N, C-alpha and C. Protein backbone atom coordinates (compact mmCIF):
# COMPACT_ATOMS: atom_id res chain seq x y z
N MET A 1 1.30 -2.41 23.91
CA MET A 1 0.89 -2.00 22.56
C MET A 1 -0.63 -2.10 22.44
N LEU A 2 -1.25 -1.13 21.80
CA LEU A 2 -2.70 -1.15 21.60
C LEU A 2 -3.11 -2.29 20.67
N ALA A 3 -4.16 -3.01 21.03
CA ALA A 3 -4.69 -4.07 20.17
C ALA A 3 -6.02 -3.65 19.56
N TYR A 4 -6.86 -2.97 20.34
CA TYR A 4 -8.14 -2.50 19.81
C TYR A 4 -8.67 -1.38 20.70
N LEU A 5 -9.64 -0.66 20.15
CA LEU A 5 -10.33 0.40 20.90
C LEU A 5 -11.81 0.07 20.97
N ILE A 6 -12.40 0.25 22.12
CA ILE A 6 -13.85 0.12 22.28
C ILE A 6 -14.34 1.42 22.91
N GLY A 7 -15.19 2.11 22.20
CA GLY A 7 -15.68 3.38 22.72
C GLY A 7 -16.83 3.90 21.91
N THR A 8 -17.04 5.20 21.98
CA THR A 8 -18.14 5.85 21.26
C THR A 8 -17.62 6.50 19.99
N LEU A 9 -18.28 6.22 18.89
CA LEU A 9 -17.90 6.83 17.61
C LEU A 9 -18.45 8.25 17.57
N VAL A 10 -17.56 9.24 17.61
CA VAL A 10 -18.03 10.63 17.67
C VAL A 10 -17.87 11.36 16.35
N GLU A 11 -16.97 10.89 15.50
CA GLU A 11 -16.79 11.49 14.16
C GLU A 11 -16.39 10.39 13.19
N LYS A 12 -16.80 10.56 11.93
CA LYS A 12 -16.35 9.60 10.92
C LYS A 12 -16.36 10.24 9.54
N SER A 13 -15.40 9.81 8.72
CA SER A 13 -15.32 10.21 7.32
C SER A 13 -14.79 8.99 6.58
N PRO A 14 -14.74 9.02 5.25
CA PRO A 14 -14.27 7.84 4.51
C PRO A 14 -12.84 7.42 4.82
N THR A 15 -12.05 8.29 5.43
CA THR A 15 -10.66 7.94 5.71
C THR A 15 -10.28 8.06 7.18
N GLU A 16 -11.18 8.55 8.03
CA GLU A 16 -10.82 8.77 9.42
C GLU A 16 -12.03 8.65 10.35
N ALA A 17 -11.78 8.13 11.55
CA ALA A 17 -12.82 8.04 12.56
C ALA A 17 -12.25 8.52 13.89
N THR A 18 -13.11 9.08 14.73
CA THR A 18 -12.69 9.48 16.08
C THR A 18 -13.50 8.68 17.08
N VAL A 19 -12.77 7.97 17.94
CA VAL A 19 -13.41 7.12 18.94
C VAL A 19 -13.09 7.69 20.32
N GLU A 20 -14.13 7.95 21.09
CA GLU A 20 -13.96 8.48 22.44
C GLU A 20 -13.94 7.32 23.43
N VAL A 21 -12.80 7.21 24.11
CA VAL A 21 -12.63 6.16 25.12
C VAL A 21 -12.33 6.85 26.45
N GLY A 22 -13.27 6.80 27.36
CA GLY A 22 -13.10 7.53 28.61
C GLY A 22 -13.10 9.02 28.32
N ASP A 23 -12.05 9.70 28.75
CA ASP A 23 -11.92 11.13 28.48
C ASP A 23 -10.98 11.42 27.33
N LEU A 24 -10.64 10.39 26.55
CA LEU A 24 -9.70 10.56 25.44
C LEU A 24 -10.40 10.33 24.11
N GLY A 25 -10.03 11.11 23.09
CA GLY A 25 -10.54 10.92 21.75
C GLY A 25 -9.42 10.45 20.85
N PHE A 26 -9.55 9.27 20.29
CA PHE A 26 -8.52 8.70 19.43
C PHE A 26 -8.89 8.92 17.96
N SER A 27 -7.99 9.59 17.22
CA SER A 27 -8.17 9.78 15.79
C SER A 27 -7.56 8.58 15.08
N VAL A 28 -8.36 7.89 14.29
CA VAL A 28 -7.94 6.64 13.67
C VAL A 28 -8.12 6.70 12.16
N GLN A 29 -7.06 6.40 11.42
CA GLN A 29 -7.14 6.33 9.96
C GLN A 29 -7.79 5.01 9.56
N ILE A 30 -8.73 5.05 8.62
CA ILE A 30 -9.46 3.84 8.24
C ILE A 30 -9.55 3.69 6.73
N SER A 31 -9.88 2.49 6.29
CA SER A 31 -10.12 2.23 4.87
C SER A 31 -11.60 2.41 4.56
N ALA A 32 -11.91 2.47 3.28
CA ALA A 32 -13.32 2.58 2.88
C ALA A 32 -14.09 1.33 3.30
N THR A 33 -13.41 0.19 3.34
CA THR A 33 -14.05 -1.05 3.76
C THR A 33 -14.51 -0.95 5.22
N THR A 34 -13.63 -0.44 6.07
CA THR A 34 -13.99 -0.28 7.48
C THR A 34 -15.05 0.80 7.65
N TYR A 35 -14.92 1.89 6.90
CA TYR A 35 -15.91 2.98 6.99
C TYR A 35 -17.32 2.47 6.73
N ALA A 36 -17.44 1.59 5.73
CA ALA A 36 -18.76 1.07 5.37
C ALA A 36 -19.37 0.22 6.48
N GLN A 37 -18.54 -0.24 7.42
CA GLN A 37 -19.03 -1.10 8.51
C GLN A 37 -19.19 -0.36 9.84
N LEU A 38 -18.90 0.93 9.84
CA LEU A 38 -19.03 1.70 11.08
C LEU A 38 -20.50 1.91 11.45
N PRO A 39 -20.80 1.96 12.74
CA PRO A 39 -22.17 2.26 13.15
C PRO A 39 -22.46 3.75 13.01
N ASP A 40 -23.65 4.16 13.38
CA ASP A 40 -23.99 5.58 13.37
C ASP A 40 -23.19 6.30 14.46
N LEU A 41 -23.11 7.62 14.33
CA LEU A 41 -22.42 8.41 15.34
C LEU A 41 -23.07 8.24 16.71
N ASN A 42 -22.23 8.36 17.73
CA ASN A 42 -22.65 8.23 19.13
C ASN A 42 -23.05 6.81 19.52
N GLN A 43 -22.66 5.84 18.67
CA GLN A 43 -22.88 4.43 18.98
C GLN A 43 -21.55 3.79 19.40
N ARG A 44 -21.64 2.67 20.09
CA ARG A 44 -20.43 1.95 20.50
C ARG A 44 -19.77 1.31 19.29
N VAL A 45 -18.45 1.31 19.29
CA VAL A 45 -17.72 0.74 18.17
C VAL A 45 -16.45 0.07 18.68
N LYS A 46 -16.05 -0.98 17.99
CA LYS A 46 -14.77 -1.65 18.30
C LYS A 46 -13.92 -1.64 17.04
N LEU A 47 -12.73 -1.11 17.15
CA LEU A 47 -11.79 -1.09 16.03
C LEU A 47 -10.49 -1.75 16.45
N PHE A 48 -10.03 -2.70 15.65
CA PHE A 48 -8.70 -3.26 15.85
C PHE A 48 -7.71 -2.23 15.31
N VAL A 49 -6.61 -2.02 16.01
CA VAL A 49 -5.73 -0.92 15.63
C VAL A 49 -4.28 -1.35 15.43
N HIS A 50 -3.58 -0.53 14.68
CA HIS A 50 -2.13 -0.69 14.47
C HIS A 50 -1.50 0.68 14.61
N LEU A 51 -0.53 0.79 15.50
CA LEU A 51 0.15 2.06 15.73
C LEU A 51 1.38 2.12 14.84
N PHE A 52 1.40 3.12 13.95
CA PHE A 52 2.53 3.27 13.02
C PHE A 52 3.38 4.46 13.45
N PHE A 53 4.67 4.23 13.51
CA PHE A 53 5.59 5.28 13.96
C PHE A 53 6.63 5.56 12.88
N ARG A 54 6.78 6.84 12.54
CA ARG A 54 7.81 7.23 11.58
C ARG A 54 8.18 8.69 11.83
N GLU A 55 9.48 8.93 11.91
CA GLU A 55 10.01 10.29 12.04
C GLU A 55 9.27 11.09 13.12
N GLU A 56 9.20 10.51 14.31
CA GLU A 56 8.61 11.17 15.48
C GLU A 56 7.12 11.44 15.34
N THR A 57 6.48 10.76 14.41
CA THR A 57 5.03 10.93 14.22
C THR A 57 4.32 9.60 14.47
N PHE A 58 3.29 9.63 15.30
CA PHE A 58 2.50 8.44 15.58
C PHE A 58 1.17 8.55 14.82
N VAL A 59 0.81 7.51 14.09
CA VAL A 59 -0.47 7.47 13.39
C VAL A 59 -1.16 6.16 13.74
N LEU A 60 -2.42 6.24 14.11
CA LEU A 60 -3.20 5.07 14.50
C LEU A 60 -4.10 4.66 13.33
N TYR A 61 -3.97 3.41 12.91
CA TYR A 61 -4.81 2.88 11.83
C TYR A 61 -5.81 1.89 12.44
N GLY A 62 -7.07 1.98 12.00
CA GLY A 62 -8.11 1.14 12.58
C GLY A 62 -8.78 0.25 11.55
N PHE A 63 -9.28 -0.89 12.02
CA PHE A 63 -9.85 -1.90 11.11
C PHE A 63 -11.07 -2.55 11.74
N ALA A 64 -12.04 -2.85 10.90
CA ALA A 64 -13.27 -3.46 11.40
C ALA A 64 -13.07 -4.92 11.78
N SER A 65 -12.01 -5.54 11.26
CA SER A 65 -11.75 -6.95 11.55
C SER A 65 -10.27 -7.20 11.78
N GLU A 66 -9.98 -8.28 12.49
CA GLU A 66 -8.58 -8.66 12.71
C GLU A 66 -7.92 -9.06 11.40
N GLU A 67 -8.71 -9.65 10.48
CA GLU A 67 -8.16 -10.07 9.20
C GLU A 67 -7.64 -8.87 8.40
N GLU A 68 -8.42 -7.79 8.41
CA GLU A 68 -8.01 -6.61 7.67
C GLU A 68 -6.73 -6.03 8.26
N ARG A 69 -6.64 -6.02 9.59
CA ARG A 69 -5.42 -5.52 10.23
C ARG A 69 -4.21 -6.40 9.86
N LEU A 70 -4.41 -7.70 9.84
CA LEU A 70 -3.33 -8.62 9.50
C LEU A 70 -2.81 -8.37 8.09
N ILE A 71 -3.74 -8.20 7.15
CA ILE A 71 -3.33 -7.95 5.76
C ILE A 71 -2.63 -6.60 5.65
N PHE A 72 -3.10 -5.63 6.39
CA PHE A 72 -2.45 -4.31 6.43
C PHE A 72 -0.99 -4.45 6.84
N LYS A 73 -0.74 -5.22 7.89
CA LYS A 73 0.63 -5.42 8.36
C LYS A 73 1.48 -6.13 7.32
N LEU A 74 0.89 -7.11 6.65
CA LEU A 74 1.63 -7.83 5.60
C LEU A 74 1.98 -6.90 4.45
N LEU A 75 1.04 -6.03 4.09
CA LEU A 75 1.29 -5.08 3.00
C LEU A 75 2.42 -4.12 3.36
N LEU A 76 2.50 -3.73 4.62
CA LEU A 76 3.57 -2.83 5.06
C LEU A 76 4.94 -3.48 4.89
N GLY A 77 4.98 -4.81 4.88
CA GLY A 77 6.23 -5.51 4.72
C GLY A 77 6.71 -5.59 3.28
N VAL A 78 5.86 -5.18 2.34
CA VAL A 78 6.24 -5.19 0.92
C VAL A 78 7.05 -3.94 0.61
N SER A 79 8.17 -4.12 -0.03
CA SER A 79 9.04 -2.97 -0.34
C SER A 79 8.29 -1.95 -1.19
N GLY A 80 8.37 -0.69 -0.76
CA GLY A 80 7.73 0.40 -1.51
C GLY A 80 6.30 0.69 -1.09
N ILE A 81 5.75 -0.09 -0.17
CA ILE A 81 4.37 0.15 0.27
C ILE A 81 4.37 0.69 1.70
N GLY A 82 3.83 1.90 1.85
CA GLY A 82 3.69 2.51 3.16
C GLY A 82 2.26 2.39 3.64
N PRO A 83 1.96 2.96 4.78
CA PRO A 83 0.60 2.83 5.34
C PRO A 83 -0.49 3.46 4.46
N LYS A 84 -0.19 4.57 3.81
CA LYS A 84 -1.20 5.21 2.95
C LYS A 84 -1.57 4.30 1.78
N MET A 85 -0.54 3.71 1.14
CA MET A 85 -0.80 2.81 0.02
C MET A 85 -1.54 1.56 0.50
N ALA A 86 -1.13 1.02 1.65
CA ALA A 86 -1.81 -0.16 2.19
C ALA A 86 -3.28 0.15 2.46
N GLN A 87 -3.54 1.34 2.98
CA GLN A 87 -4.92 1.77 3.25
C GLN A 87 -5.70 1.89 1.94
N THR A 88 -5.06 2.42 0.91
CA THR A 88 -5.70 2.55 -0.40
C THR A 88 -6.05 1.19 -0.98
N ILE A 89 -5.12 0.24 -0.85
CA ILE A 89 -5.36 -1.11 -1.37
C ILE A 89 -6.55 -1.75 -0.67
N LEU A 90 -6.61 -1.62 0.64
CA LEU A 90 -7.71 -2.20 1.40
C LEU A 90 -9.04 -1.48 1.14
N SER A 91 -8.96 -0.25 0.66
CA SER A 91 -10.18 0.48 0.28
C SER A 91 -10.69 0.03 -1.07
N GLY A 92 -9.78 -0.50 -1.88
CA GLY A 92 -10.14 -0.84 -3.26
C GLY A 92 -10.57 -2.27 -3.49
N ILE A 93 -10.31 -3.15 -2.50
CA ILE A 93 -10.65 -4.56 -2.70
C ILE A 93 -10.86 -5.22 -1.34
N GLU A 94 -11.84 -6.10 -1.26
CA GLU A 94 -12.11 -6.81 -0.01
C GLU A 94 -10.98 -7.78 0.30
N VAL A 95 -10.76 -8.04 1.58
CA VAL A 95 -9.64 -8.90 2.01
C VAL A 95 -9.65 -10.28 1.35
N PRO A 96 -10.78 -11.01 1.34
CA PRO A 96 -10.75 -12.34 0.69
C PRO A 96 -10.38 -12.26 -0.79
N LEU A 97 -10.86 -11.23 -1.47
CA LEU A 97 -10.55 -11.08 -2.89
C LEU A 97 -9.08 -10.72 -3.11
N LEU A 98 -8.54 -9.91 -2.22
CA LEU A 98 -7.12 -9.56 -2.30
C LEU A 98 -6.27 -10.80 -2.13
N ARG A 99 -6.62 -11.62 -1.17
CA ARG A 99 -5.88 -12.87 -0.94
C ARG A 99 -5.92 -13.75 -2.18
N GLU A 100 -7.10 -13.92 -2.76
CA GLU A 100 -7.24 -14.76 -3.94
C GLU A 100 -6.45 -14.20 -5.13
N ALA A 101 -6.45 -12.88 -5.26
CA ALA A 101 -5.72 -12.25 -6.37
C ALA A 101 -4.22 -12.49 -6.23
N ILE A 102 -3.72 -12.41 -5.00
CA ILE A 102 -2.28 -12.61 -4.78
C ILE A 102 -1.92 -14.08 -5.00
N ILE A 103 -2.71 -14.98 -4.45
CA ILE A 103 -2.42 -16.41 -4.61
C ILE A 103 -2.51 -16.82 -6.08
N GLY A 104 -3.50 -16.27 -6.79
CA GLY A 104 -3.70 -16.63 -8.19
C GLY A 104 -2.86 -15.83 -9.17
N ASN A 105 -1.97 -14.97 -8.65
CA ASN A 105 -1.13 -14.13 -9.51
C ASN A 105 -1.98 -13.30 -10.48
N ASN A 106 -3.10 -12.80 -9.96
CA ASN A 106 -4.03 -12.03 -10.78
C ASN A 106 -3.63 -10.55 -10.76
N LEU A 107 -2.67 -10.20 -11.61
CA LEU A 107 -2.15 -8.84 -11.62
C LEU A 107 -3.19 -7.82 -12.06
N SER A 108 -4.10 -8.23 -12.93
CA SER A 108 -5.12 -7.28 -13.41
C SER A 108 -6.04 -6.85 -12.27
N ALA A 109 -6.33 -7.78 -11.35
CA ALA A 109 -7.17 -7.43 -10.19
C ALA A 109 -6.45 -6.44 -9.29
N LEU A 110 -5.14 -6.61 -9.17
CA LEU A 110 -4.35 -5.73 -8.30
C LEU A 110 -4.13 -4.36 -8.95
N THR A 111 -3.81 -4.34 -10.24
CA THR A 111 -3.59 -3.06 -10.91
C THR A 111 -4.90 -2.30 -11.10
N GLY A 112 -6.03 -3.00 -10.92
CA GLY A 112 -7.32 -2.33 -10.99
C GLY A 112 -7.61 -1.47 -9.78
N ILE A 113 -6.80 -1.63 -8.73
CA ILE A 113 -6.95 -0.83 -7.53
C ILE A 113 -6.29 0.53 -7.77
N ALA A 114 -6.97 1.57 -7.41
CA ALA A 114 -6.46 2.92 -7.63
C ALA A 114 -5.06 3.09 -7.05
N GLY A 115 -4.12 3.52 -7.91
CA GLY A 115 -2.78 3.82 -7.44
C GLY A 115 -1.80 2.66 -7.49
N VAL A 116 -2.27 1.46 -7.83
CA VAL A 116 -1.38 0.29 -7.87
C VAL A 116 -0.96 0.02 -9.32
N GLY A 117 0.33 0.20 -9.59
CA GLY A 117 0.87 -0.07 -10.92
C GLY A 117 1.31 -1.52 -11.04
N ARG A 118 1.75 -1.89 -12.24
CA ARG A 118 2.13 -3.28 -12.48
C ARG A 118 3.32 -3.72 -11.62
N LYS A 119 4.32 -2.85 -11.49
CA LYS A 119 5.49 -3.23 -10.71
C LYS A 119 5.13 -3.45 -9.24
N THR A 120 4.28 -2.58 -8.72
CA THR A 120 3.83 -2.74 -7.33
C THR A 120 3.04 -4.04 -7.18
N ALA A 121 2.17 -4.31 -8.14
CA ALA A 121 1.37 -5.54 -8.10
C ALA A 121 2.28 -6.77 -8.13
N GLU A 122 3.31 -6.73 -8.96
CA GLU A 122 4.24 -7.85 -9.06
C GLU A 122 5.00 -8.06 -7.74
N ARG A 123 5.38 -6.96 -7.09
CA ARG A 123 6.07 -7.08 -5.80
C ARG A 123 5.15 -7.68 -4.74
N ILE A 124 3.88 -7.24 -4.75
CA ILE A 124 2.92 -7.76 -3.79
C ILE A 124 2.79 -9.28 -3.93
N VAL A 125 2.64 -9.74 -5.17
CA VAL A 125 2.51 -11.18 -5.42
C VAL A 125 3.78 -11.92 -5.01
N LEU A 126 4.92 -11.39 -5.42
CA LEU A 126 6.20 -12.04 -5.14
C LEU A 126 6.47 -12.17 -3.64
N GLU A 127 6.19 -11.09 -2.91
CA GLU A 127 6.54 -11.05 -1.49
C GLU A 127 5.47 -11.61 -0.55
N LEU A 128 4.22 -11.70 -1.04
CA LEU A 128 3.15 -12.11 -0.13
C LEU A 128 2.47 -13.44 -0.49
N ARG A 129 2.75 -13.98 -1.65
CA ARG A 129 2.02 -15.18 -2.07
C ARG A 129 2.15 -16.32 -1.07
N ASP A 130 3.37 -16.64 -0.66
CA ASP A 130 3.58 -17.75 0.27
C ASP A 130 2.90 -17.47 1.61
N LYS A 131 2.96 -16.21 2.06
CA LYS A 131 2.33 -15.85 3.34
C LYS A 131 0.82 -15.98 3.25
N MET A 132 0.26 -15.59 2.10
CA MET A 132 -1.18 -15.68 1.92
C MET A 132 -1.65 -17.14 1.90
N LEU A 133 -0.84 -18.01 1.34
CA LEU A 133 -1.19 -19.43 1.28
C LEU A 133 -1.31 -20.03 2.68
N LYS A 134 -0.57 -19.48 3.62
CA LYS A 134 -0.58 -20.01 4.99
C LYS A 134 -1.71 -19.44 5.84
N LEU A 135 -2.34 -18.38 5.36
CA LEU A 135 -3.41 -17.75 6.14
C LEU A 135 -4.69 -18.57 6.07
N ASP A 136 -5.39 -18.62 7.18
CA ASP A 136 -6.66 -19.35 7.24
C ASP A 136 -7.81 -18.34 7.19
N LEU A 137 -8.02 -17.78 6.01
CA LEU A 137 -9.11 -16.83 5.83
C LEU A 137 -10.19 -17.47 4.99
N LYS A 138 -11.42 -17.03 5.21
CA LYS A 138 -12.52 -17.52 4.38
C LYS A 138 -12.44 -16.81 3.04
N ALA A 139 -11.98 -17.53 2.03
CA ALA A 139 -11.77 -16.92 0.72
C ALA A 139 -13.06 -16.86 -0.07
N THR A 140 -13.31 -15.71 -0.67
CA THR A 140 -14.45 -15.53 -1.56
C THR A 140 -13.93 -15.53 -2.99
N PRO A 141 -14.50 -16.35 -3.87
CA PRO A 141 -14.00 -16.38 -5.23
C PRO A 141 -13.97 -14.99 -5.86
N VAL A 142 -12.92 -14.71 -6.59
CA VAL A 142 -12.77 -13.40 -7.20
C VAL A 142 -13.92 -13.08 -8.13
N ALA A 143 -14.46 -14.09 -8.78
CA ALA A 143 -15.52 -13.86 -9.75
C ALA A 143 -16.78 -13.30 -9.10
N VAL A 144 -16.97 -13.55 -7.82
CA VAL A 144 -18.20 -13.11 -7.15
C VAL A 144 -18.37 -11.60 -7.22
N GLN A 145 -17.25 -10.85 -7.12
CA GLN A 145 -17.37 -9.41 -7.10
C GLN A 145 -16.71 -8.76 -8.33
N THR A 146 -16.65 -9.53 -9.42
CA THR A 146 -16.03 -9.01 -10.63
C THR A 146 -16.71 -7.74 -11.11
N ASP A 147 -18.04 -7.74 -11.15
CA ASP A 147 -18.78 -6.57 -11.64
C ASP A 147 -18.51 -5.35 -10.77
N LEU A 148 -18.47 -5.55 -9.46
CA LEU A 148 -18.23 -4.45 -8.54
C LEU A 148 -16.82 -3.89 -8.74
N GLN A 149 -15.84 -4.78 -8.83
CA GLN A 149 -14.46 -4.33 -9.03
C GLN A 149 -14.30 -3.63 -10.38
N GLN A 150 -14.97 -4.17 -11.40
CA GLN A 150 -14.89 -3.56 -12.73
C GLN A 150 -15.48 -2.16 -12.74
N ALA A 151 -16.57 -1.98 -11.99
CA ALA A 151 -17.20 -0.66 -11.90
C ALA A 151 -16.23 0.35 -11.29
N ARG A 152 -15.52 -0.08 -10.25
CA ARG A 152 -14.55 0.81 -9.60
C ARG A 152 -13.39 1.12 -10.53
N ASN A 153 -12.92 0.10 -11.25
CA ASN A 153 -11.83 0.32 -12.20
C ASN A 153 -12.23 1.30 -13.29
N ASP A 154 -13.43 1.09 -13.83
CA ASP A 154 -13.91 1.95 -14.92
C ASP A 154 -14.11 3.39 -14.44
N ALA A 155 -14.60 3.54 -13.22
CA ALA A 155 -14.81 4.89 -12.68
C ALA A 155 -13.47 5.60 -12.50
N TYR A 156 -12.48 4.87 -12.01
CA TYR A 156 -11.15 5.45 -11.82
C TYR A 156 -10.55 5.88 -13.17
N SER A 157 -10.67 5.02 -14.17
CA SER A 157 -10.16 5.34 -15.51
C SER A 157 -10.86 6.57 -16.08
N ALA A 158 -12.16 6.66 -15.83
CA ALA A 158 -12.92 7.81 -16.32
C ALA A 158 -12.45 9.11 -15.68
N LEU A 159 -12.17 9.07 -14.40
CA LEU A 159 -11.69 10.28 -13.70
C LEU A 159 -10.33 10.72 -14.25
N LEU A 160 -9.47 9.75 -14.53
CA LEU A 160 -8.18 10.09 -15.11
C LEU A 160 -8.35 10.66 -16.52
N ALA A 161 -9.28 10.08 -17.27
CA ALA A 161 -9.53 10.55 -18.63
C ALA A 161 -10.08 11.97 -18.63
N LEU A 162 -10.76 12.33 -17.55
CA LEU A 162 -11.31 13.68 -17.43
C LEU A 162 -10.23 14.70 -17.05
N GLY A 163 -9.03 14.20 -16.81
CA GLY A 163 -7.91 15.10 -16.55
C GLY A 163 -7.55 15.31 -15.09
N PHE A 164 -8.19 14.57 -14.20
CA PHE A 164 -7.87 14.71 -12.77
C PHE A 164 -6.59 13.97 -12.43
N ALA A 165 -5.81 14.54 -11.53
CA ALA A 165 -4.56 13.92 -11.11
C ALA A 165 -4.87 12.63 -10.33
N LYS A 166 -3.95 11.68 -10.37
CA LYS A 166 -4.17 10.40 -9.71
C LYS A 166 -4.52 10.53 -8.22
N PRO A 167 -3.77 11.34 -7.44
CA PRO A 167 -4.10 11.44 -6.01
C PRO A 167 -5.51 11.94 -5.77
N SER A 168 -5.93 12.94 -6.56
CA SER A 168 -7.29 13.49 -6.40
C SER A 168 -8.34 12.46 -6.80
N ALA A 169 -8.07 11.75 -7.90
CA ALA A 169 -9.02 10.74 -8.37
C ALA A 169 -9.15 9.60 -7.36
N GLU A 170 -8.02 9.19 -6.79
CA GLU A 170 -8.03 8.09 -5.83
C GLU A 170 -8.80 8.47 -4.57
N LYS A 171 -8.52 9.66 -4.07
CA LYS A 171 -9.19 10.12 -2.84
C LYS A 171 -10.70 10.26 -3.06
N ALA A 172 -11.08 10.83 -4.20
CA ALA A 172 -12.51 11.01 -4.49
C ALA A 172 -13.21 9.68 -4.68
N LEU A 173 -12.52 8.74 -5.34
CA LEU A 173 -13.13 7.43 -5.57
C LEU A 173 -13.30 6.67 -4.26
N ARG A 174 -12.32 6.76 -3.35
CA ARG A 174 -12.45 6.12 -2.04
C ARG A 174 -13.67 6.67 -1.30
N ALA A 175 -13.84 7.99 -1.38
CA ALA A 175 -14.98 8.62 -0.71
C ALA A 175 -16.30 8.15 -1.34
N ALA A 176 -16.31 8.02 -2.66
CA ALA A 176 -17.52 7.58 -3.36
C ALA A 176 -17.86 6.14 -2.99
N ILE A 177 -16.85 5.28 -2.93
CA ILE A 177 -17.06 3.88 -2.58
C ILE A 177 -17.58 3.77 -1.15
N ALA A 178 -17.00 4.58 -0.26
CA ALA A 178 -17.43 4.56 1.14
C ALA A 178 -18.88 5.01 1.27
N GLU A 179 -19.27 5.98 0.43
CA GLU A 179 -20.63 6.52 0.48
C GLU A 179 -21.64 5.51 -0.05
N LYS A 180 -21.24 4.78 -1.12
CA LYS A 180 -22.15 3.78 -1.69
C LYS A 180 -21.31 2.64 -2.27
N PRO A 181 -20.96 1.64 -1.42
CA PRO A 181 -20.06 0.56 -1.83
C PRO A 181 -20.51 -0.24 -3.04
N ASN A 182 -21.81 -0.36 -3.27
CA ASN A 182 -22.31 -1.20 -4.37
C ASN A 182 -22.71 -0.40 -5.60
N ALA A 183 -22.27 0.84 -5.68
CA ALA A 183 -22.65 1.70 -6.81
C ALA A 183 -22.06 1.20 -8.12
N LYS A 184 -22.79 1.45 -9.20
CA LYS A 184 -22.30 1.10 -10.53
C LYS A 184 -21.41 2.23 -11.04
N THR A 185 -20.81 1.99 -12.20
CA THR A 185 -19.79 2.91 -12.73
C THR A 185 -20.28 4.35 -12.82
N ASP A 186 -21.41 4.57 -13.46
CA ASP A 186 -21.87 5.94 -13.67
C ASP A 186 -22.15 6.66 -12.35
N GLU A 187 -22.72 5.92 -11.39
CA GLU A 187 -23.03 6.55 -10.11
C GLU A 187 -21.74 6.84 -9.33
N LEU A 188 -20.77 5.93 -9.42
CA LEU A 188 -19.48 6.16 -8.76
C LEU A 188 -18.81 7.40 -9.31
N ILE A 189 -18.87 7.58 -10.61
CA ILE A 189 -18.26 8.75 -11.24
C ILE A 189 -18.93 10.03 -10.74
N ARG A 190 -20.26 10.03 -10.69
CA ARG A 190 -20.98 11.22 -10.22
C ARG A 190 -20.63 11.54 -8.76
N LEU A 191 -20.59 10.50 -7.93
CA LEU A 191 -20.26 10.71 -6.53
C LEU A 191 -18.83 11.20 -6.36
N ALA A 192 -17.92 10.62 -7.13
CA ALA A 192 -16.52 11.02 -7.04
C ALA A 192 -16.32 12.46 -7.50
N LEU A 193 -17.02 12.86 -8.54
CA LEU A 193 -16.91 14.24 -9.04
C LEU A 193 -17.40 15.23 -7.99
N ARG A 194 -18.41 14.83 -7.23
CA ARG A 194 -18.88 15.71 -6.16
C ARG A 194 -17.79 15.92 -5.10
N HIS A 195 -17.07 14.85 -4.79
CA HIS A 195 -16.04 14.94 -3.77
C HIS A 195 -14.82 15.70 -4.29
N ILE A 196 -14.50 15.56 -5.57
CA ILE A 196 -13.37 16.28 -6.14
C ILE A 196 -13.63 17.78 -6.13
N GLN A 197 -14.86 18.16 -6.35
CA GLN A 197 -15.19 19.58 -6.45
C GLN A 197 -15.24 20.27 -5.10
N LYS A 198 -15.23 19.49 -4.00
CA LYS A 198 -15.33 20.10 -2.66
C LYS A 198 -14.03 20.77 -2.29
């Protein structure tokens, strides 16, 4: 089973990267968090990977850290969460903050992630809280990135208020976050609108 890829980054977008290893090019699905940590094109890169198989289709998911891959696998174990939703969750919140939100039963932090409703947030807490307590991750207090998370939440709400469908709003917001992770609400909205119009 593949554990990681080390090769040359030949293509990248907010949701996908192509890594050339020898004479092979691996297409890897990534989160906005991982995208923000990728090097420039034609540079060496290491991605931890998870091979997902469903209905005769293989999809490779890549992560900048082992911790992110671990949380991805845990999210896949939650009923109703597939790889796309897990990828969306990891794009919307940093791993230490996600862990703290689950341990602290902070449903508002979870529902603030694009596409995560209250029932999904409740399932995540119910099914992962004990597992998160056992993980030895360096936890960052949720309050540290409150302003950043609030900006993303407000931008998402604004896109919905403008009449955009949830899938389009989520995809555009992920692209905007990947383009400028520390952007404030107004700038995120402008960036997201550019991606929606493409």
